Amino acid sequence: MPFAKKFRAMMDFPFPGDTIGDFEIEDVDVHDEWGASEGYVYGVRIVLRGPGGKQAALRALKPLFSQHPTTFSGYGNPYQLWFRKPEIESLGDQRYAVTVKGSGARIYLEQNLARFLQYLDDQHHLAAPSDPAEHKALIEAYLDQYRVEIALQVARYHKILTKTVDG
């Protein structure tokens, strides 16, 4: 399972000082939780300030909370990530604390891609018929490239996070 630092990067969390809608982000905390029966869970707390009340704060964060990106664990296994239902608490003076749990589940991306590629082949949507060995090689090449893209995305985010924290 990807750890909280990777979850934070994949979800492209804002940094303190950033704005989302009419709200300024004051603080972001993302940490690993061990959810036992719930599986692996990420605890998230975002403090923001702005006009419009609790509902406006939730609307501003909706694009963040609506994501379902795919990432890879340290072992290279694919996981889909998402947020559960957020809760919001008024802190007074147009400040709000939003807490939400993040989750992730192992997905079988290679098998899904193989099934899709086979479907395309069966329906004659490919330029030329291919054999299973070609499918396997194509999927492996795609996944290798995808892992590199994710690694670069996470590295860029961590670089900015380090500058923000040390800044």
C-alpha atoms as a PDB file:
ATOM      1  CA  MET A   1       0.000   0.000   0.000  1.00  0.00           C
ATOM      2  CA  PRO A   2       1.296   3.490  -0.781  1.00  0.00           C
ATOM      3  CA  PHE A   3       2.136   5.520   2.317  1.00  0.00           C
ATOM      4  CA  ALA A   4       0.596   8.891   3.278  1.00  0.00           C
ATOM      5  CA  LYS A   5       3.365  10.924   1.686  1.00  0.00           C
ATOM      6  CA  LYS A   6       2.577   9.320  -1.677  1.00  0.00           C
ATOM      7  CA  PHE A   7      -1.191   9.642  -1.097  1.00  0.00           C
ATOM      8  CA  ARG A   8      -0.686  13.359  -0.479  1.00  0.00           C
ATOM      9  CA  ALA A   9       1.326  13.741  -3.679  1.00  0.00           C
ATOM     10  CA  MET A  10      -1.063  11.686  -5.823  1.00  0.00           C
ATOM     11  CA  MET A  11      -4.051  13.688  -4.620  1.00  0.00           C
ATOM     12  CA  ASP A  12      -2.066  16.895  -5.259  1.00  0.00           C
ATOM     13  CA  PHE A  13      -2.958  18.395  -1.888  1.00  0.00           C
ATOM     14  CA  PRO A  14      -2.700  22.165  -1.623  1.00  0.00           C
ATOM     15  CA  PHE A  15      -0.006  23.752   0.519  1.00  0.00           C
ATOM     16  CA  PRO A  16      -0.455  26.326   3.302  1.00  0.00           C
ATOM     17  CA  GLY A  17      -0.894  29.710   1.644  1.00  0.00           C
ATOM     18  CA  ASP A  18      -2.533  28.255  -1.477  1.00  0.00           C
ATOM     19  CA  THR A  19      -6.073  29.258  -2.338  1.00  0.00           C
ATOM     20  CA  ILE A  20      -8.936  27.031  -3.384  1.00  0.00           C
ATOM     21  CA  GLY A  21     -11.934  29.015  -4.520  1.00  0.00           C
ATOM     22  CA  ASP A  22     -12.359  31.855  -2.026  1.00  0.00           C
ATOM     23  CA  PHE A  23     -10.522  29.956   0.711  1.00  0.00           C
ATOM     24  CA  GLU A  24      -6.911  30.134   1.823  1.00  0.00           C
ATOM     25  CA  ILE A  25      -5.299  26.957   3.089  1.00  0.00           C
ATOM     26  CA  GLU A  26      -3.808  27.425   6.560  1.00  0.00           C
ATOM     27  CA  ASP A  27      -2.703  23.888   7.383  1.00  0.00           C
ATOM     28  CA  VAL A  28      -2.667  20.406   5.850  1.00  0.00           C
ATOM     29  CA  ASP A  29      -1.977  17.184   7.730  1.00  0.00           C
ATOM     30  CA  VAL A  30      -1.990  13.803   6.015  1.00  0.00           C
ATOM     31  CA  HIS A  31      -0.915  10.751   7.984  1.00  0.00           C
ATOM     32  CA  ASP A  32      -1.068   6.977   7.875  1.00  0.00           C
ATOM     33  CA  GLU A  33      -3.663   5.208   9.995  1.00  0.00           C
ATOM     34  CA  TRP A  34      -3.986   1.494  10.500  1.00  0.00           C
ATOM     35  CA  GLY A  35      -7.671   0.867  10.009  1.00  0.00           C
ATOM     36  CA  ALA A  36      -7.759  -2.851  10.973  1.00  0.00           C
ATOM     37  CA  SER A  37     -11.084  -3.993   9.502  1.00  0.00           C
ATOM     38  CA  GLU A  38     -11.218  -0.926   7.248  1.00  0.00           C
ATOM     39  CA  GLY A  39      -7.923  -1.753   5.593  1.00  0.00           C
ATOM     40  CA  TYR A  40      -5.262   0.883   5.136  1.00  0.00           C
ATOM     41  CA  VAL A  41      -6.513   4.398   5.831  1.00  0.00           C
ATOM     42  CA  TYR A  42      -5.121   7.915   5.550  1.00  0.00           C
ATOM     43  CA  GLY A  43      -6.154  10.550   8.069  1.00  0.00           C
ATOM     44  CA  VAL A  44      -6.525  14.037   6.603  1.00  0.00           C
ATOM     45  CA  ARG A  45      -7.122  17.410   8.266  1.00  0.00           C
ATOM     46  CA  ILE A  46      -7.218  20.664   6.320  1.00  0.00           C
ATOM     47  CA  VAL A  47      -7.705  24.049   7.959  1.00  0.00           C
ATOM     48  CA  LEU A  48      -8.901  26.828   5.687  1.00  0.00           C
ATOM     49  CA  ARG A  49     -10.208  30.367   5.957  1.00  0.00           C
ATOM     50  CA  GLY A  50     -12.722  32.157   3.773  1.00  0.00           C
ATOM     51  CA  PRO A  51     -16.247  33.462   3.344  1.00  0.00           C
ATOM     52  CA  GLY A  52     -19.411  31.509   2.728  1.00  0.00           C
ATOM     53  CA  GLY A  53     -19.696  29.026   5.554  1.00  0.00           C
ATOM     54  CA  LYS A  54     -19.203  25.287   5.824  1.00  0.00           C
ATOM     55  CA  GLN A  55     -20.966  24.405   2.585  1.00  0.00           C
ATOM     56  CA  ALA A  56     -18.867  26.869   0.592  1.00  0.00           C
ATOM     57  CA  ALA A  57     -15.722  25.342   2.080  1.00  0.00           C
ATOM     58  CA  LEU A  58     -16.866  21.850   1.073  1.00  0.00           C
ATOM     59  CA  ARG A  59     -17.738  23.054  -2.434  1.00  0.00           C
ATOM     60  CA  ALA A  60     -14.275  24.579  -2.778  1.00  0.00           C
ATOM     61  CA  LEU A  61     -12.668  21.252  -1.779  1.00  0.00           C
ATOM     62  CA  LYS A  62     -14.952  19.096  -3.938  1.00  0.00           C
ATOM     63  CA  PRO A  63     -12.483  18.848  -6.872  1.00  0.00           C
ATOM     64  CA  LEU A  64      -9.818  17.586  -4.457  1.00  0.00           C
ATOM     65  CA  PHE A  65     -12.172  15.080  -2.831  1.00  0.00           C
ATOM     66  CA  SER A  66     -13.597  13.837  -6.160  1.00  0.00           C
ATOM     67  CA  GLN A  67     -10.354  12.317  -7.425  1.00  0.00           C
ATOM     68  CA  HIS A  68      -9.675   8.594  -7.895  1.00  0.00           C
ATOM     69  CA  PRO A  69      -6.082   8.387  -9.160  1.00  0.00           C
ATOM     70  CA  THR A  70      -4.119   5.211  -9.668  1.00  0.00           C
ATOM     71  CA  THR A  71      -0.652   4.883  -8.156  1.00  0.00           C
ATOM     72  CA  PHE A  72       1.830   2.148  -7.404  1.00  0.00           C
ATOM     73  CA  SER A  73       3.104   0.813  -4.094  1.00  0.00           C
ATOM     74  CA  GLY A  74       6.796   0.467  -3.361  1.00  0.00           C
ATOM     75  CA  TYR A  75       6.503  -3.069  -4.713  1.00  0.00           C
ATOM     76  CA  GLY A  76       4.992  -1.810  -7.979  1.00  0.00           C
ATOM     77  CA  ASN A  77       1.437  -2.985  -7.304  1.00  0.00           C
ATOM     78  CA  PRO A  78      -1.311  -0.661  -8.587  1.00  0.00           C
ATOM     79  CA  TYR A  79      -3.753   0.957  -6.166  1.00  0.00           C
ATOM     80  CA  GLN A  80      -6.715   3.238  -6.721  1.00  0.00           C
ATOM     81  CA  LEU A  81      -7.040   6.037  -4.171  1.00  0.00           C
ATOM     82  CA  TRP A  82     -10.093   7.991  -3.065  1.00  0.00           C
ATOM     83  CA  PHE A  83     -11.623  10.007  -0.236  1.00  0.00           C
ATOM     84  CA  ARG A  84     -14.498   9.096   1.993  1.00  0.00           C
ATOM     85  CA  LYS A  85     -17.144  11.572   3.179  1.00  0.00           C
ATOM     86  CA  PRO A  86     -15.596  14.740   4.639  1.00  0.00           C
ATOM     87  CA  GLU A  87     -16.698  16.361   7.884  1.00  0.00           C
ATOM     88  CA  ILE A  88     -16.342  20.042   8.613  1.00  0.00           C
ATOM     89  CA  GLU A  89     -16.075  21.956  11.862  1.00  0.00           C
ATOM     90  CA  SER A  90     -16.339  25.718  12.229  1.00  0.00           C
ATOM     91  CA  LEU A  91     -13.392  27.178  14.133  1.00  0.00           C
ATOM     92  CA  GLY A  92     -14.837  30.714  14.175  1.00  0.00           C
ATOM     93  CA  ASP A  93     -13.573  33.806  12.345  1.00  0.00           C
ATOM     94  CA  GLN A  94     -14.366  32.197   8.940  1.00  0.00           C
ATOM     95  CA  ARG A  95     -11.987  29.316   9.691  1.00  0.00           C
ATOM     96  CA  TYR A  96     -12.922  25.677   9.112  1.00  0.00           C
ATOM     97  CA  ALA A  97     -11.319  22.344   9.867  1.00  0.00           C
ATOM     98  CA  VAL A  98     -12.138  19.654   7.348  1.00  0.00           C
ATOM     99  CA  THR A  99     -11.401  16.058   8.294  1.00  0.00           C
ATOM    100  CA  VAL A 100     -11.688  13.170   5.914  1.00  0.00           C
ATOM    101  CA  LYS A 101     -10.385   9.654   5.574  1.00  0.00           C
ATOM    102  CA  GLY A 102      -8.574   8.610   2.454  1.00  0.00           C
ATOM    103  CA  SER A 103      -8.526   5.019   1.261  1.00  0.00           C
ATOM    104  CA  GLY A 104      -6.900   2.867  -1.326  1.00  0.00           C
ATOM    105  CA  ALA A 105      -7.525  -0.541  -2.799  1.00  0.00           C
ATOM    106  CA  ARG A 106      -5.349  -2.836  -4.816  1.00  0.00           C
ATOM    107  CA  ILE A 107      -6.533  -3.055  -8.396  1.00  0.00           C
ATOM    108  CA  TYR A 108      -5.615  -5.548 -11.078  1.00  0.00           C
ATOM    109  CA  LEU A 109      -4.599  -3.098 -13.744  1.00  0.00           C
ATOM    110  CA  GLU A 110      -2.532  -5.512 -15.813  1.00  0.00           C
ATOM    111  CA  GLN A 111      -5.407  -7.983 -16.078  1.00  0.00           C
ATOM    112  CA  ASN A 112      -7.886  -5.205 -16.891  1.00  0.00           C
ATOM    113  CA  LEU A 113      -5.634  -3.846 -19.618  1.00  0.00           C
ATOM    114  CA  ALA A 114      -5.175  -7.344 -21.049  1.00  0.00           C
ATOM    115  CA  ARG A 115      -8.934  -7.889 -21.116  1.00  0.00           C
ATOM    116  CA  PHE A 116      -9.477  -4.526 -22.821  1.00  0.00           C
ATOM    117  CA  LEU A 117      -6.769  -5.154 -25.392  1.00  0.00           C
ATOM    118  CA  GLN A 118      -8.262  -8.566 -26.135  1.00  0.00           C
ATOM    119  CA  TYR A 119     -11.671  -6.969 -26.586  1.00  0.00           C
ATOM    120  CA  LEU A 120     -10.228  -4.465 -29.065  1.00  0.00           C
ATOM    121  CA  ASP A 121      -8.543  -7.308 -30.935  1.00  0.00           C
ATOM    122  CA  ASP A 122     -11.719  -9.436 -30.969  1.00  0.00           C
ATOM    123  CA  GLN A 123     -13.777  -6.502 -32.266  1.00  0.00           C
ATOM    124  CA  HIS A 124     -11.198  -5.766 -34.984  1.00  0.00           C
ATOM    125  CA  HIS A 125     -10.461  -2.309 -33.599  1.00  0.00           C
ATOM    126  CA  LEU A 126      -6.695  -2.819 -33.780  1.00  0.00           C
ATOM    127  CA  ALA A 127      -4.750  -2.000 -36.912  1.00  0.00           C
ATOM    128  CA  ALA A 128      -3.671  -5.628 -37.197  1.00  0.00           C
ATOM    129  CA  PRO A 129      -4.471  -8.768 -35.244  1.00  0.00           C
ATOM    130  CA  SER A 130      -1.900  -9.508 -32.568  1.00  0.00           C
ATOM    131  CA  ASP A 131      -0.961 -12.484 -30.454  1.00  0.00           C
ATOM    132  CA  PRO A 132      -1.047 -12.800 -26.651  1.00  0.00           C
ATOM    133  CA  ALA A 133       2.739 -12.362 -26.395  1.00  0.00           C
ATOM    134  CA  GLU A 134       2.459  -8.997 -28.180  1.00  0.00           C
ATOM    135  CA  HIS A 135      -0.368  -7.999 -25.841  1.00  0.00           C
ATOM    136  CA  LYS A 136       1.725  -8.895 -22.805  1.00  0.00           C
ATOM    137  CA  ALA A 137       4.747  -6.934 -24.066  1.00  0.00           C
ATOM    138  CA  LEU A 138       2.590  -3.907 -24.904  1.00  0.00           C
ATOM    139  CA  ILE A 139       0.959  -3.911 -21.457  1.00  0.00           C
ATOM    140  CA  GLU A 140       4.318  -4.305 -19.682  1.00  0.00           C
ATOM    141  CA  ALA A 141       5.772  -1.390 -21.658  1.00  0.00           C
ATOM    142  CA  TYR A 142       2.738   0.752 -20.861  1.00  0.00           C
ATOM    143  CA  LEU A 143       2.885  -0.061 -17.127  1.00  0.00           C
ATOM    144  CA  ASP A 144       6.632   0.617 -17.004  1.00  0.00           C
ATOM    145  CA  GLN A 145       6.076   4.042 -18.546  1.00  0.00           C
ATOM    146  CA  TYR A 146       3.126   4.716 -16.225  1.00  0.00           C
ATOM    147  CA  ARG A 147       5.246   3.882 -13.155  1.00  0.00           C
ATOM    148  CA  VAL A 148       7.921   6.332 -14.339  1.00  0.00           C
ATOM    149  CA  GLU A 149       5.315   9.081 -14.847  1.00  0.00           C
ATOM    150  CA  ILE A 150       3.900   8.508 -11.353  1.00  0.00           C
ATOM    151  CA  ALA A 151       7.395   8.524  -9.819  1.00  0.00           C
ATOM    152  CA  LEU A 152       8.177  11.857 -11.510  1.00  0.00           C
ATOM    153  CA  GLN A 153       4.859  13.350 -10.392  1.00  0.00           C
ATOM    154  CA  VAL A 154       5.458  12.276  -6.790  1.00  0.00           C
ATOM    155  CA  ALA A 155       9.071  13.515  -6.847  1.00  0.00           C
ATOM    156  CA  ARG A 156       7.973  16.966  -8.111  1.00  0.00           C
ATOM    157  CA  TYR A 157       5.334  17.206  -5.380  1.00  0.00           C
ATOM    158  CA  HIS A 158       7.778  16.108  -2.655  1.00  0.00           C
ATOM    159  CA  LYS A 159      10.308  18.705  -3.835  1.00  0.00           C
ATOM    160  CA  ILE A 160       7.707  21.458  -3.482  1.00  0.00           C
ATOM    161  CA  LEU A 161       6.574  20.033  -0.126  1.00  0.00           C
ATOM    162  CA  THR A 162      10.161  20.041   1.181  1.00  0.00           C
ATOM    163  CA  LYS A 163      10.639  23.683   0.086  1.00  0.00           C
ATOM    164  CA  THR A 164       7.323  24.637   1.707  1.00  0.00           C
ATOM    165  CA  VAL A 165       8.121  22.913   5.012  1.00  0.00           C
ATOM    166  CA  ASP A 166      11.763  24.071   5.145  1.00  0.00           C
ATOM    167  CA  GLY A 167      11.033  27.426   3.505  1.00  0.00           C
END
